[in-house]
């Protein structure tokens, strides 16, 4: 099906475009009143994720409400460990929680992986297919997965953490078991993303949300090789890699076989092309808190960001939009980008 708006895909492929495309991480969520209304009628977050027609509905909501240049399928990165055999719960106002965590090599060996387990995630693929049909070519559909290191962190820690010390300790105490687990996560992620593409994803993003908690030498050993394997395996569509806080790994991230590199708000735009010689298209990097400012400031900062990147850029935040962000300011951000142009 021919897309009415293929700006994101043309930009990701490095083609010359009339303006930068815009979408937001976590755009389908609590900033939208229609999402809150639907979410309030359900038993919990997982019911929404695991009910394909509802997941499709909330995926499309920001396209209707905000006019963004892409939809991103509503799901969760933790469906991967669940498919592998480690179930999680989503605790209201606290976040994810795993009743059982990985503690030993035996636990790692007991997990399933790869194409053998992705059948457990048919609800995600069904949501993609429904969304693709209902979008009817309006905008591209983004599929996503968590990066192996980030998924590993949750599987060891059992929840979110300020330090992820259990996961980091495992790297020192059980490095071979850690690498086996990372391999299993990687194989599952590749199979998962490929099936997402078959189900309708036009582009995929890999989120390494906890990249910044590792020292550089460990990120090189326990994260980069697995990101590289994913990027080399996914050849059907463009790949975005977003490693939050990984400023220290920019040369290695720049060497990955991905088309787009997401950057957070702590990274200096001038250094990306200059000092680090990043050749990929860049995505980001407005501070999410900037959207709490006045509409005039949001507009001026957005235009300044566009000017700083100077092309080959996908406008986004440096992380997901915060749930209490004023909706009108989100619209100012989106509309400012849509009203811009490359002269």
C-alpha atoms as a PDB file:
ATOM      1  CA  UNK A   1       0.000   0.000   0.000  1.00  0.00           C
ATOM      2  CA  UNK A   2       1.378   3.408  -0.980  1.00  0.00           C
ATOM      3  CA  UNK A   3       1.771   5.766   1.949  1.00  0.00           C
ATOM      4  CA  UNK A   4       0.166   9.212   1.820  1.00  0.00           C
ATOM      5  CA  UNK A   5       2.888  10.499   4.167  1.00  0.00           C
ATOM      6  CA  UNK A   6       6.219   8.714   3.834  1.00  0.00           C
ATOM      7  CA  UNK A   7       8.324  11.565   5.225  1.00  0.00           C
ATOM      8  CA  UNK A   8       9.730   9.475   8.090  1.00  0.00           C
ATOM      9  CA  UNK A   9      10.841   6.675   5.780  1.00  0.00           C
ATOM     10  CA  UNK A  10      12.398   9.023   3.228  1.00  0.00           C
ATOM     11  CA  UNK A  11      14.294  10.767   5.996  1.00  0.00           C
ATOM     12  CA  UNK A  12      15.452   7.468   7.518  1.00  0.00           C
ATOM     13  CA  UNK A  13      16.761   6.408   4.110  1.00  0.00           C
ATOM     14  CA  UNK A  14      18.801   9.602   3.890  1.00  0.00           C
ATOM     15  CA  UNK A  15      16.773  11.141   1.065  1.00  0.00           C
ATOM     16  CA  UNK A  16      16.374  14.881   0.685  1.00  0.00           C
ATOM     17  CA  UNK A  17      13.108  16.006   2.277  1.00  0.00           C
ATOM     18  CA  UNK A  18      11.120  19.220   2.544  1.00  0.00           C
ATOM     19  CA  UNK A  19      11.054  19.297   6.365  1.00  0.00           C
ATOM     20  CA  UNK A  20      11.938  16.998   9.274  1.00  0.00           C
ATOM     21  CA  UNK A  21       9.326  14.407  10.255  1.00  0.00           C
ATOM     22  CA  UNK A  22       8.018  14.413  13.820  1.00  0.00           C
ATOM     23  CA  UNK A  23       6.735  11.809  16.265  1.00  0.00           C
ATOM     24  CA  UNK A  24       7.122  11.316  20.026  1.00  0.00           C
ATOM     25  CA  UNK A  25       8.201   8.396  22.105  1.00  0.00           C
ATOM     26  CA  UNK A  26       5.236   7.456  24.350  1.00  0.00           C
ATOM     27  CA  UNK A  27       2.921   9.528  22.157  1.00  0.00           C
ATOM     28  CA  UNK A  28       0.186   6.918  22.670  1.00  0.00           C
ATOM     29  CA  UNK A  29      -0.521   7.338  26.364  1.00  0.00           C
ATOM     30  CA  UNK A  30      -1.640   9.481  29.246  1.00  0.00           C
ATOM     31  CA  UNK A  31      -1.149  12.844  27.549  1.00  0.00           C
ATOM     32  CA  UNK A  32      -4.308  12.010  25.558  1.00  0.00           C
ATOM     33  CA  UNK A  33      -7.726  12.189  27.269  1.00  0.00           C
ATOM     34  CA  UNK A  34      -9.119   9.516  24.965  1.00  0.00           C
ATOM     35  CA  UNK A  35      -6.354   7.143  26.085  1.00  0.00           C
ATOM     36  CA  UNK A  36      -7.096   7.833  29.766  1.00  0.00           C
ATOM     37  CA  UNK A  37     -10.790   7.186  29.193  1.00  0.00           C
ATOM     38  CA  UNK A  38     -10.135   3.830  27.535  1.00  0.00           C
ATOM     39  CA  UNK A  39      -7.468   2.817  30.024  1.00  0.00           C
ATOM     40  CA  UNK A  40      -9.806   3.594  32.931  1.00  0.00           C
ATOM     41  CA  UNK A  41     -12.374   1.114  31.638  1.00  0.00           C
ATOM     42  CA  UNK A  42      -9.950  -1.825  31.704  1.00  0.00           C
ATOM     43  CA  UNK A  43      -8.566  -4.112  34.398  1.00  0.00           C
ATOM     44  CA  UNK A  44      -4.986  -3.031  33.798  1.00  0.00           C
ATOM     45  CA  UNK A  45      -2.226  -2.062  31.400  1.00  0.00           C
ATOM     46  CA  UNK A  46      -1.604  -5.616  30.210  1.00  0.00           C
ATOM     47  CA  UNK A  47      -5.205  -6.043  29.136  1.00  0.00           C
ATOM     48  CA  UNK A  48      -4.717  -3.111  26.797  1.00  0.00           C
ATOM     49  CA  UNK A  49      -1.432  -4.475  25.440  1.00  0.00           C
ATOM     50  CA  UNK A  50      -2.864  -7.965  24.937  1.00  0.00           C
ATOM     51  CA  UNK A  51      -6.159  -6.951  23.257  1.00  0.00           C
ATOM     52  CA  UNK A  52      -5.279  -6.260  19.600  1.00  0.00           C
ATOM     53  CA  UNK A  53      -8.238  -4.025  18.641  1.00  0.00           C
ATOM     54  CA  UNK A  54      -7.668  -1.833  21.705  1.00  0.00           C
ATOM     55  CA  UNK A  55      -3.906  -1.667  21.164  1.00  0.00           C
ATOM     56  CA  UNK A  56      -4.601  -0.606  17.576  1.00  0.00           C
ATOM     57  CA  UNK A  57      -7.048   2.045  18.744  1.00  0.00           C
ATOM     58  CA  UNK A  58      -4.579   3.729  21.088  1.00  0.00           C
ATOM     59  CA  UNK A  59      -1.802   3.447  18.490  1.00  0.00           C
ATOM     60  CA  UNK A  60      -3.862   5.539  16.092  1.00  0.00           C
ATOM     61  CA  UNK A  61      -5.102   8.083  18.662  1.00  0.00           C
ATOM     62  CA  UNK A  62      -2.039  10.384  18.443  1.00  0.00           C
ATOM     63  CA  UNK A  63      -2.168  10.332  14.644  1.00  0.00           C
ATOM     64  CA  UNK A  64      -5.736  11.644  14.851  1.00  0.00           C
ATOM     65  CA  UNK A  65      -5.173  14.031  17.763  1.00  0.00           C
ATOM     66  CA  UNK A  66      -1.661  15.345  17.161  1.00  0.00           C
ATOM     67  CA  UNK A  67      -1.102  14.863  13.431  1.00  0.00           C
ATOM     68  CA  UNK A  68       2.281  13.188  13.921  1.00  0.00           C
ATOM     69  CA  UNK A  69       4.134  11.741  10.949  1.00  0.00           C
ATOM     70  CA  UNK A  70       4.164   8.155  12.276  1.00  0.00           C
ATOM     71  CA  UNK A  71       2.293   5.739  14.516  1.00  0.00           C
ATOM     72  CA  UNK A  72       4.178   3.490  16.933  1.00  0.00           C
ATOM     73  CA  UNK A  73       2.468   0.269  17.903  1.00  0.00           C
ATOM     74  CA  UNK A  74       1.192   0.285  21.474  1.00  0.00           C
ATOM     75  CA  UNK A  75       2.955  -2.496  23.345  1.00  0.00           C
ATOM     76  CA  UNK A  76       5.660  -3.039  25.970  1.00  0.00           C
ATOM     77  CA  UNK A  77       9.312  -4.048  25.746  1.00  0.00           C
ATOM     78  CA  UNK A  78       8.767  -6.694  28.457  1.00  0.00           C
ATOM     79  CA  UNK A  79       6.665  -8.950  26.248  1.00  0.00           C
ATOM     80  CA  UNK A  80      10.000 -10.471  25.161  1.00  0.00           C
ATOM     81  CA  UNK A  81      11.024 -11.940  28.551  1.00  0.00           C
ATOM     82  CA  UNK A  82       7.436 -13.061  29.065  1.00  0.00           C
ATOM     83  CA  UNK A  83       7.519 -15.004  25.797  1.00  0.00           C
ATOM     84  CA  UNK A  84      10.831 -16.520  26.876  1.00  0.00           C
ATOM     85  CA  UNK A  85       9.233 -17.821  30.076  1.00  0.00           C
ATOM     86  CA  UNK A  86       9.694 -15.017  32.602  1.00  0.00           C
ATOM     87  CA  UNK A  87       6.311 -13.434  33.259  1.00  0.00           C
ATOM     88  CA  UNK A  88       5.841  -9.907  34.529  1.00  0.00           C
ATOM     89  CA  UNK A  89       3.101  -7.848  36.106  1.00  0.00           C
ATOM     90  CA  UNK A  90       2.447  -4.140  35.637  1.00  0.00           C
ATOM     91  CA  UNK A  91       1.816  -2.647  39.069  1.00  0.00           C
ATOM     92  CA  UNK A  92      -0.216   0.566  39.015  1.00  0.00           C
ATOM     93  CA  UNK A  93       1.907   3.662  39.793  1.00  0.00           C
ATOM     94  CA  UNK A  94       4.986   1.478  40.382  1.00  0.00           C
ATOM     95  CA  UNK A  95       5.772  -0.089  37.023  1.00  0.00           C
ATOM     96  CA  UNK A  96       6.809  -3.594  35.967  1.00  0.00           C
ATOM     97  CA  UNK A  97       7.484  -6.366  38.459  1.00  0.00           C
ATOM     98  CA  UNK A  98       8.761  -9.911  37.837  1.00  0.00           C
ATOM     99  CA  UNK A  99       7.652 -12.468  40.461  1.00  0.00           C
ATOM    100  CA  UNK A 100      10.674 -14.583  39.491  1.00  0.00           C
ATOM    101  CA  UNK A 101      14.024 -13.291  38.289  1.00  0.00           C
ATOM    102  CA  UNK A 102      17.144 -14.790  36.722  1.00  0.00           C
ATOM    103  CA  UNK A 103      19.638 -15.794  39.398  1.00  0.00           C
ATOM    104  CA  UNK A 104      21.819 -18.496  37.857  1.00  0.00           C
ATOM    105  CA  UNK A 105      23.040 -20.214  34.703  1.00  0.00           C
ATOM    106  CA  UNK A 106      20.380 -22.881  35.231  1.00  0.00           C
ATOM    107  CA  UNK A 107      17.679 -20.207  35.102  1.00  0.00           C
ATOM    108  CA  UNK A 108      19.110 -18.921  31.822  1.00  0.00           C
ATOM    109  CA  UNK A 109      19.206 -22.413  30.316  1.00  0.00           C
ATOM    110  CA  UNK A 110      15.566 -22.980  31.219  1.00  0.00           C
ATOM    111  CA  UNK A 111      14.411 -20.035  29.093  1.00  0.00           C
ATOM    112  CA  UNK A 112      13.089 -20.449  25.577  1.00  0.00           C
ATOM    113  CA  UNK A 113      14.315 -18.221  22.779  1.00  0.00           C
ATOM    114  CA  UNK A 114      14.170 -17.275  19.116  1.00  0.00           C
ATOM    115  CA  UNK A 115      11.482 -18.333  16.702  1.00  0.00           C
ATOM    116  CA  UNK A 116      10.392 -21.071  19.119  1.00  0.00           C
ATOM    117  CA  UNK A 117       8.760 -18.564  21.467  1.00  0.00           C
ATOM    118  CA  UNK A 118       7.459 -15.661  19.392  1.00  0.00           C
ATOM    119  CA  UNK A 119       4.187 -17.496  18.789  1.00  0.00           C
ATOM    120  CA  UNK A 120       3.383 -16.406  22.341  1.00  0.00           C
ATOM    121  CA  UNK A 121       3.242 -12.847  21.029  1.00  0.00           C
ATOM    122  CA  UNK A 122       0.604 -13.301  18.356  1.00  0.00           C
ATOM    123  CA  UNK A 123      -1.478 -10.587  20.015  1.00  0.00           C
ATOM    124  CA  UNK A 124       1.242  -8.048  19.136  1.00  0.00           C
ATOM    125  CA  UNK A 125       1.340  -9.140  15.507  1.00  0.00           C
ATOM    126  CA  UNK A 126      -2.460  -9.053  15.327  1.00  0.00           C
ATOM    127  CA  UNK A 127      -2.422  -5.502  16.727  1.00  0.00           C
ATOM    128  CA  UNK A 128       0.053  -4.482  14.026  1.00  0.00           C
ATOM    129  CA  UNK A 129      -2.076  -6.003  11.268  1.00  0.00           C
ATOM    130  CA  UNK A 130      -5.234  -4.284  12.533  1.00  0.00           C
ATOM    131  CA  UNK A 131      -3.436  -0.958  12.918  1.00  0.00           C
ATOM    132  CA  UNK A 132      -1.922  -1.174   9.451  1.00  0.00           C
ATOM    133  CA  UNK A 133      -5.335  -1.789   7.935  1.00  0.00           C
ATOM    134  CA  UNK A 134      -7.038   1.002   9.880  1.00  0.00           C
ATOM    135  CA  UNK A 135      -4.287   3.539   9.150  1.00  0.00           C
ATOM    136  CA  UNK A 136      -4.992   2.864   5.495  1.00  0.00           C
ATOM    137  CA  UNK A 137      -1.681   4.317   4.365  1.00  0.00           C
ATOM    138  CA  UNK A 138      -1.918   7.622   6.247  1.00  0.00           C
ATOM    139  CA  UNK A 139       1.493   7.368   7.954  1.00  0.00           C
ATOM    140  CA  UNK A 140       4.185   4.721   8.537  1.00  0.00           C
ATOM    141  CA  UNK A 141       3.863   2.273  11.419  1.00  0.00           C
ATOM    142  CA  UNK A 142       6.809   1.858  13.796  1.00  0.00           C
ATOM    143  CA  UNK A 143       7.526  -1.443  15.508  1.00  0.00           C
ATOM    144  CA  UNK A 144       9.889  -1.620  18.463  1.00  0.00           C
ATOM    145  CA  UNK A 145      11.729  -3.798  20.938  1.00  0.00           C
ATOM    146  CA  UNK A 146      13.920  -3.303  23.966  1.00  0.00           C
ATOM    147  CA  UNK A 147      17.658  -3.692  23.478  1.00  0.00           C
ATOM    148  CA  UNK A 148      19.173  -6.889  24.915  1.00  0.00           C
ATOM    149  CA  UNK A 149      20.997  -5.090  27.750  1.00  0.00           C
ATOM    150  CA  UNK A 150      17.832  -3.264  28.855  1.00  0.00           C
ATOM    151  CA  UNK A 151      15.732  -6.453  28.777  1.00  0.00           C
ATOM    152  CA  UNK A 152      18.518  -8.288  30.637  1.00  0.00           C
ATOM    153  CA  UNK A 153      18.421  -5.582  33.329  1.00  0.00           C
ATOM    154  CA  UNK A 154      14.744  -6.142  34.069  1.00  0.00           C
ATOM    155  CA  UNK A 155      15.084  -9.934  34.011  1.00  0.00           C
ATOM    156  CA  UNK A 156      17.821  -9.791  36.664  1.00  0.00           C
ATOM    157  CA  UNK A 157      16.494  -6.930  38.756  1.00  0.00           C
ATOM    158  CA  UNK A 158      12.808  -7.836  38.696  1.00  0.00           C
ATOM    159  CA  UNK A 159      11.669  -4.205  38.425  1.00  0.00           C
ATOM    160  CA  UNK A 160      12.909  -0.750  37.706  1.00  0.00           C
ATOM    161  CA  UNK A 161      15.874   0.370  39.786  1.00  0.00           C
ATOM    162  CA  UNK A 162      18.010   3.406  40.522  1.00  0.00           C
ATOM    163  CA  UNK A 163      21.212   1.372  40.216  1.00  0.00           C
ATOM    164  CA  UNK A 164      20.390  -1.974  38.539  1.00  0.00           C
ATOM    165  CA  UNK A 165      23.089  -3.371  40.834  1.00  0.00           C
ATOM    166  CA  UNK A 166      21.804  -6.956  40.606  1.00  0.00           C
ATOM    167  CA  UNK A 167      22.078  -6.921  36.827  1.00  0.00           C
ATOM    168  CA  UNK A 168      25.483  -5.260  36.900  1.00  0.00           C
ATOM    169  CA  UNK A 169      26.755  -7.642  39.579  1.00  0.00           C
ATOM    170  CA  UNK A 170      25.796 -10.603  37.381  1.00  0.00           C
ATOM    171  CA  UNK A 171      28.084  -9.289  34.628  1.00  0.00           C
ATOM    172  CA  UNK A 172      31.049  -9.505  36.986  1.00  0.00           C
ATOM    173  CA  UNK A 173      30.136 -12.743  38.760  1.00  0.00           C
ATOM    174  CA  UNK A 174      28.603 -14.750  35.906  1.00  0.00           C
ATOM    175  CA  UNK A 175      29.889 -13.262  32.628  1.00  0.00           C
ATOM    176  CA  UNK A 176      29.365 -16.407  30.549  1.00  0.00           C
ATOM    177  CA  UNK A 177      25.822 -16.902  31.844  1.00  0.00           C
ATOM    178  CA  UNK A 178      25.205 -13.211  31.147  1.00  0.00           C
ATOM    179  CA  UNK A 179      26.349 -13.592  27.559  1.00  0.00           C
ATOM    180  CA  UNK A 180      24.189 -16.676  27.074  1.00  0.00           C
ATOM    181  CA  UNK A 181      21.166 -14.745  28.306  1.00  0.00           C
ATOM    182  CA  UNK A 182      21.996 -11.789  26.080  1.00  0.00           C
ATOM    183  CA  UNK A 183      22.305 -14.146  23.093  1.00  0.00           C
ATOM    184  CA  UNK A 184      18.896 -15.654  23.869  1.00  0.00           C
ATOM    185  CA  UNK A 185      17.316 -12.217  24.182  1.00  0.00           C
ATOM    186  CA  UNK A 186      18.970 -11.127  20.938  1.00  0.00           C
ATOM    187  CA  UNK A 187      17.771 -14.157  18.980  1.00  0.00           C
ATOM    188  CA  UNK A 188      14.246 -13.664  20.299  1.00  0.00           C
ATOM    189  CA  UNK A 189      14.313  -9.956  19.489  1.00  0.00           C
ATOM    190  CA  UNK A 190      15.411 -10.585  15.915  1.00  0.00           C
ATOM    191  CA  UNK A 191      12.645 -13.113  15.347  1.00  0.00           C
ATOM    192  CA  UNK A 192      10.155 -10.767  16.994  1.00  0.00           C
ATOM    193  CA  UNK A 193      11.112  -7.742  14.900  1.00  0.00           C
ATOM    194  CA  UNK A 194      11.070  -9.741  11.691  1.00  0.00           C
ATOM    195  CA  UNK A 195       7.549 -10.943  12.460  1.00  0.00           C
ATOM    196  CA  UNK A 196       6.536  -7.382  13.283  1.00  0.00           C
ATOM    197  CA  UNK A 197       7.765  -6.313   9.873  1.00  0.00           C
ATOM    198  CA  UNK A 198       5.796  -9.111   8.225  1.00  0.00           C
ATOM    199  CA  UNK A 199       2.739  -7.923  10.181  1.00  0.00           C
ATOM    200  CA  UNK A 200       2.991  -4.330   8.948  1.00  0.00           C
ATOM    201  CA  UNK A 201       5.855  -2.413  10.592  1.00  0.00           C
ATOM    202  CA  UNK A 202       7.492  -0.016   8.112  1.00  0.00           C
ATOM    203  CA  UNK A 203      10.445   0.832  10.381  1.00  0.00           C
ATOM    204  CA  UNK A 204      11.648  -0.450  13.766  1.00  0.00           C
ATOM    205  CA  UNK A 205      13.261   1.120  16.815  1.00  0.00           C
ATOM    206  CA  UNK A 206      15.421  -0.606  19.440  1.00  0.00           C
ATOM    207  CA  UNK A 207      15.252   1.077  22.865  1.00  0.00           C
ATOM    208  CA  UNK A 208      18.311   0.753  25.097  1.00  0.00           C
ATOM    209  CA  UNK A 209      16.773   2.688  27.953  1.00  0.00           C
ATOM    210  CA  UNK A 210      19.403   1.674  30.526  1.00  0.00           C
ATOM    211  CA  UNK A 211      22.486   2.045  28.329  1.00  0.00           C
ATOM    212  CA  UNK A 212      23.828   4.856  30.488  1.00  0.00           C
ATOM    213  CA  UNK A 213      24.188   2.808  33.681  1.00  0.00           C
ATOM    214  CA  UNK A 214      27.109   0.721  32.380  1.00  0.00           C
ATOM    215  CA  UNK A 215      30.751   1.790  32.312  1.00  0.00           C
ATOM    216  CA  UNK A 216      32.128   2.124  28.765  1.00  0.00           C
ATOM    217  CA  UNK A 217      34.122  -1.117  28.745  1.00  0.00           C
ATOM    218  CA  UNK A 218      31.096  -3.158  29.827  1.00  0.00           C
ATOM    219  CA  UNK A 219      28.812  -1.480  27.321  1.00  0.00           C
ATOM    220  CA  UNK A 220      31.319  -2.449  24.638  1.00  0.00           C
ATOM    221  CA  UNK A 221      31.279  -6.062  25.814  1.00  0.00           C
ATOM    222  CA  UNK A 222      27.703  -6.654  26.957  1.00  0.00           C
ATOM    223  CA  UNK A 223      25.618  -4.333  24.765  1.00  0.00           C
ATOM    224  CA  UNK A 224      27.227  -3.290  21.485  1.00  0.00           C
ATOM    225  CA  UNK A 225      27.765  -6.826  20.060  1.00  0.00           C
ATOM    226  CA  UNK A 226      24.097  -7.678  20.522  1.00  0.00           C
ATOM    227  CA  UNK A 227      22.876  -4.399  19.061  1.00  0.00           C
ATOM    228  CA  UNK A 228      25.192  -5.048  16.120  1.00  0.00           C
ATOM    229  CA  UNK A 229      23.720  -8.508  15.601  1.00  0.00           C
ATOM    230  CA  UNK A 230      20.181  -7.094  15.556  1.00  0.00           C
ATOM    231  CA  UNK A 231      21.083  -4.303  13.137  1.00  0.00           C
ATOM    232  CA  UNK A 232      22.806  -6.717  10.761  1.00  0.00           C
ATOM    233  CA  UNK A 233      19.855  -9.123  10.864  1.00  0.00           C
ATOM    234  CA  UNK A 234      17.114  -6.583  10.150  1.00  0.00           C
ATOM    235  CA  UNK A 235      17.525  -5.673   6.496  1.00  0.00           C
ATOM    236  CA  UNK A 236      13.885  -5.373   5.410  1.00  0.00           C
ATOM    237  CA  UNK A 237      13.190  -1.893   6.815  1.00  0.00           C
ATOM    238  CA  UNK A 238      15.166   0.994   8.365  1.00  0.00           C
ATOM    239  CA  UNK A 239      16.369   0.522  11.952  1.00  0.00           C
ATOM    240  CA  UNK A 240      16.535   3.200  14.659  1.00  0.00           C
ATOM    241  CA  UNK A 241      18.784   2.581  17.666  1.00  0.00           C
ATOM    242  CA  UNK A 242      18.176   4.735  20.736  1.00  0.00           C
ATOM    243  CA  UNK A 243      20.684   4.227  23.550  1.00  0.00           C
ATOM    244  CA  UNK A 244      19.794   6.675  26.306  1.00  0.00           C
ATOM    245  CA  UNK A 245      22.752   8.101  28.194  1.00  0.00           C
ATOM    246  CA  UNK A 246      25.341   6.322  26.053  1.00  0.00           C
ATOM    247  CA  UNK A 247      27.301   9.436  25.053  1.00  0.00           C
ATOM    248  CA  UNK A 248      30.489   7.510  25.853  1.00  0.00           C
ATOM    249  CA  UNK A 249      29.663   4.903  23.189  1.00  0.00           C
ATOM    250  CA  UNK A 250      28.882   7.249  20.300  1.00  0.00           C
ATOM    251  CA  UNK A 251      31.768   6.005  18.094  1.00  0.00           C
ATOM    252  CA  UNK A 252      30.576   2.401  18.514  1.00  0.00           C
ATOM    253  CA  UNK A 253      26.930   3.325  18.015  1.00  0.00           C
ATOM    254  CA  UNK A 254      27.909   5.269  14.924  1.00  0.00           C
ATOM    255  CA  UNK A 255      29.550   2.142  13.508  1.00  0.00           C
ATOM    256  CA  UNK A 256      26.350   0.086  13.794  1.00  0.00           C
ATOM    257  CA  UNK A 257      24.552  -0.926  10.605  1.00  0.00           C
ATOM    258  CA  UNK A 258      21.455   1.080  11.478  1.00  0.00           C
ATOM    259  CA  UNK A 259      19.978   3.931   9.480  1.00  0.00           C
ATOM    260  CA  UNK A 260      18.975   6.206  12.375  1.00  0.00           C
ATOM    261  CA  UNK A 261      20.579   6.963  15.730  1.00  0.00           C
ATOM    262  CA  UNK A 262      18.359   8.373  18.468  1.00  0.00           C
ATOM    263  CA  UNK A 263      20.022  10.819  20.865  1.00  0.00           C
ATOM    264  CA  UNK A 264      18.933  12.146  24.247  1.00  0.00           C
ATOM    265  CA  UNK A 265      18.925  15.748  25.450  1.00  0.00           C
ATOM    266  CA  UNK A 266      22.344  15.467  27.127  1.00  0.00           C
ATOM    267  CA  UNK A 267      24.185  15.031  23.832  1.00  0.00           C
ATOM    268  CA  UNK A 268      25.639  18.096  22.113  1.00  0.00           C
ATOM    269  CA  UNK A 269      24.346  18.288  18.567  1.00  0.00           C
ATOM    270  CA  UNK A 270      27.547  19.835  17.224  1.00  0.00           C
ATOM    271  CA  UNK A 271      29.650  16.977  18.574  1.00  0.00           C
ATOM    272  CA  UNK A 272      27.552  14.316  16.854  1.00  0.00           C
ATOM    273  CA  UNK A 273      28.479  15.274  13.296  1.00  0.00           C
ATOM    274  CA  UNK A 274      31.808  16.890  14.132  1.00  0.00           C
ATOM    275  CA  UNK A 275      33.733  15.334  17.002  1.00  0.00           C
ATOM    276  CA  UNK A 276      32.116  11.887  16.663  1.00  0.00           C
ATOM    277  CA  UNK A 277      31.543  11.931  12.880  1.00  0.00           C
ATOM    278  CA  UNK A 278      28.141  10.237  13.141  1.00  0.00           C
ATOM    279  CA  UNK A 279      26.916   9.481   9.629  1.00  0.00           C
ATOM    280  CA  UNK A 280      23.469   8.085  10.378  1.00  0.00           C
ATOM    281  CA  UNK A 281      20.308  10.148  10.298  1.00  0.00           C
ATOM    282  CA  UNK A 282      19.782  11.506  13.833  1.00  0.00           C
ATOM    283  CA  UNK A 283      16.600  11.466  15.922  1.00  0.00           C
ATOM    284  CA  UNK A 284      15.817  13.621  18.958  1.00  0.00           C
ATOM    285  CA  UNK A 285      16.692  15.423  21.129  1.00  0.00           C
ATOM    286  CA  UNK A 286      14.419  18.036  22.741  1.00  0.00           C
ATOM    287  CA  UNK A 287      14.392  17.889  26.543  1.00  0.00           C
ATOM    288  CA  UNK A 288      10.956  16.428  27.497  1.00  0.00           C
ATOM    289  CA  UNK A 289      10.743  19.019  30.292  1.00  0.00           C
ATOM    290  CA  UNK A 290      10.887  21.790  27.703  1.00  0.00           C
ATOM    291  CA  UNK A 291       7.258  20.972  26.963  1.00  0.00           C
ATOM    292  CA  UNK A 292       6.342  22.384  30.392  1.00  0.00           C
ATOM    293  CA  UNK A 293       7.504  25.840  29.260  1.00  0.00           C
ATOM    294  CA  UNK A 294       5.300  28.491  27.655  1.00  0.00           C
ATOM    295  CA  UNK A 295       4.073  27.822  24.100  1.00  0.00           C
ATOM    296  CA  UNK A 296       6.372  30.595  22.865  1.00  0.00           C
ATOM    297  CA  UNK A 297       9.415  28.929  24.427  1.00  0.00           C
ATOM    298  CA  UNK A 298       8.388  25.503  23.094  1.00  0.00           C
ATOM    299  CA  UNK A 299       8.149  26.959  19.604  1.00  0.00           C
ATOM    300  CA  UNK A 300      11.487  28.798  19.761  1.00  0.00           C
ATOM    301  CA  UNK A 301      13.353  25.822  21.249  1.00  0.00           C
ATOM    302  CA  UNK A 302      11.888  23.490  18.638  1.00  0.00           C
ATOM    303  CA  UNK A 303      12.986  25.762  15.798  1.00  0.00           C
ATOM    304  CA  UNK A 304      16.415  26.095  17.377  1.00  0.00           C
ATOM    305  CA  UNK A 305      16.719  22.297  17.570  1.00  0.00           C
ATOM    306  CA  UNK A 306      15.822  21.951  13.890  1.00  0.00           C
ATOM    307  CA  UNK A 307      18.407  24.573  12.979  1.00  0.00           C
ATOM    308  CA  UNK A 308      21.108  22.925  15.091  1.00  0.00           C
ATOM    309  CA  UNK A 309      20.661  19.556  13.397  1.00  0.00           C
ATOM    310  CA  UNK A 310      20.612  21.174   9.964  1.00  0.00           C
ATOM    311  CA  UNK A 311      18.906  18.309   8.133  1.00  0.00           C
ATOM    312  CA  UNK A 312      19.022  14.501   8.117  1.00  0.00           C
ATOM    313  CA  UNK A 313      17.012  14.665  11.304  1.00  0.00           C
ATOM    314  CA  UNK A 314      13.825  13.197  12.786  1.00  0.00           C
ATOM    315  CA  UNK A 315      12.279  15.539  15.349  1.00  0.00           C
ATOM    316  CA  UNK A 316      11.505  13.830  18.630  1.00  0.00           C
ATOM    317  CA  UNK A 317      12.149  14.234  22.323  1.00  0.00           C
ATOM    318  CA  UNK A 318      15.293  13.023  24.038  1.00  0.00           C
ATOM    319  CA  UNK A 319      13.133  10.419  25.811  1.00  0.00           C
ATOM    320  CA  UNK A 320       9.449   9.593  26.144  1.00  0.00           C
ATOM    321  CA  UNK A 321       6.900  12.351  26.699  1.00  0.00           C
ATOM    322  CA  UNK A 322       6.007  12.635  30.386  1.00  0.00           C
ATOM    323  CA  UNK A 323       2.400  11.746  31.326  1.00  0.00           C
ATOM    324  CA  UNK A 324       1.490  15.146  32.807  1.00  0.00           C
ATOM    325  CA  UNK A 325       2.851  17.147  29.871  1.00  0.00           C
ATOM    326  CA  UNK A 326       0.327  19.793  28.725  1.00  0.00           C
ATOM    327  CA  UNK A 327      -1.366  18.480  25.602  1.00  0.00           C
ATOM    328  CA  UNK A 328      -1.488  21.937  24.040  1.00  0.00           C
ATOM    329  CA  UNK A 329       2.293  22.240  24.285  1.00  0.00           C
ATOM    330  CA  UNK A 330       2.726  18.855  22.627  1.00  0.00           C
ATOM    331  CA  UNK A 331       0.597  20.190  19.792  1.00  0.00           C
ATOM    332  CA  UNK A 332       2.742  23.341  19.621  1.00  0.00           C
ATOM    333  CA  UNK A 333       5.835  21.153  19.291  1.00  0.00           C
ATOM    334  CA  UNK A 334       4.322  19.005  16.543  1.00  0.00           C
ATOM    335  CA  UNK A 335       2.796  21.903  14.643  1.00  0.00           C
ATOM    336  CA  UNK A 336       6.022  23.908  14.813  1.00  0.00           C
ATOM    337  CA  UNK A 337       7.912  21.061  13.173  1.00  0.00           C
ATOM    338  CA  UNK A 338       5.198  20.580  10.564  1.00  0.00           C
ATOM    339  CA  UNK A 339       5.278  24.274   9.758  1.00  0.00           C
ATOM    340  CA  UNK A 340       9.050  24.322   9.285  1.00  0.00           C
ATOM    341  CA  UNK A 341      10.917  23.839   6.059  1.00  0.00           C
ATOM    342  CA  UNK A 342      14.427  23.215   4.758  1.00  0.00           C
ATOM    343  CA  UNK A 343      15.333  26.141   2.535  1.00  0.00           C
END
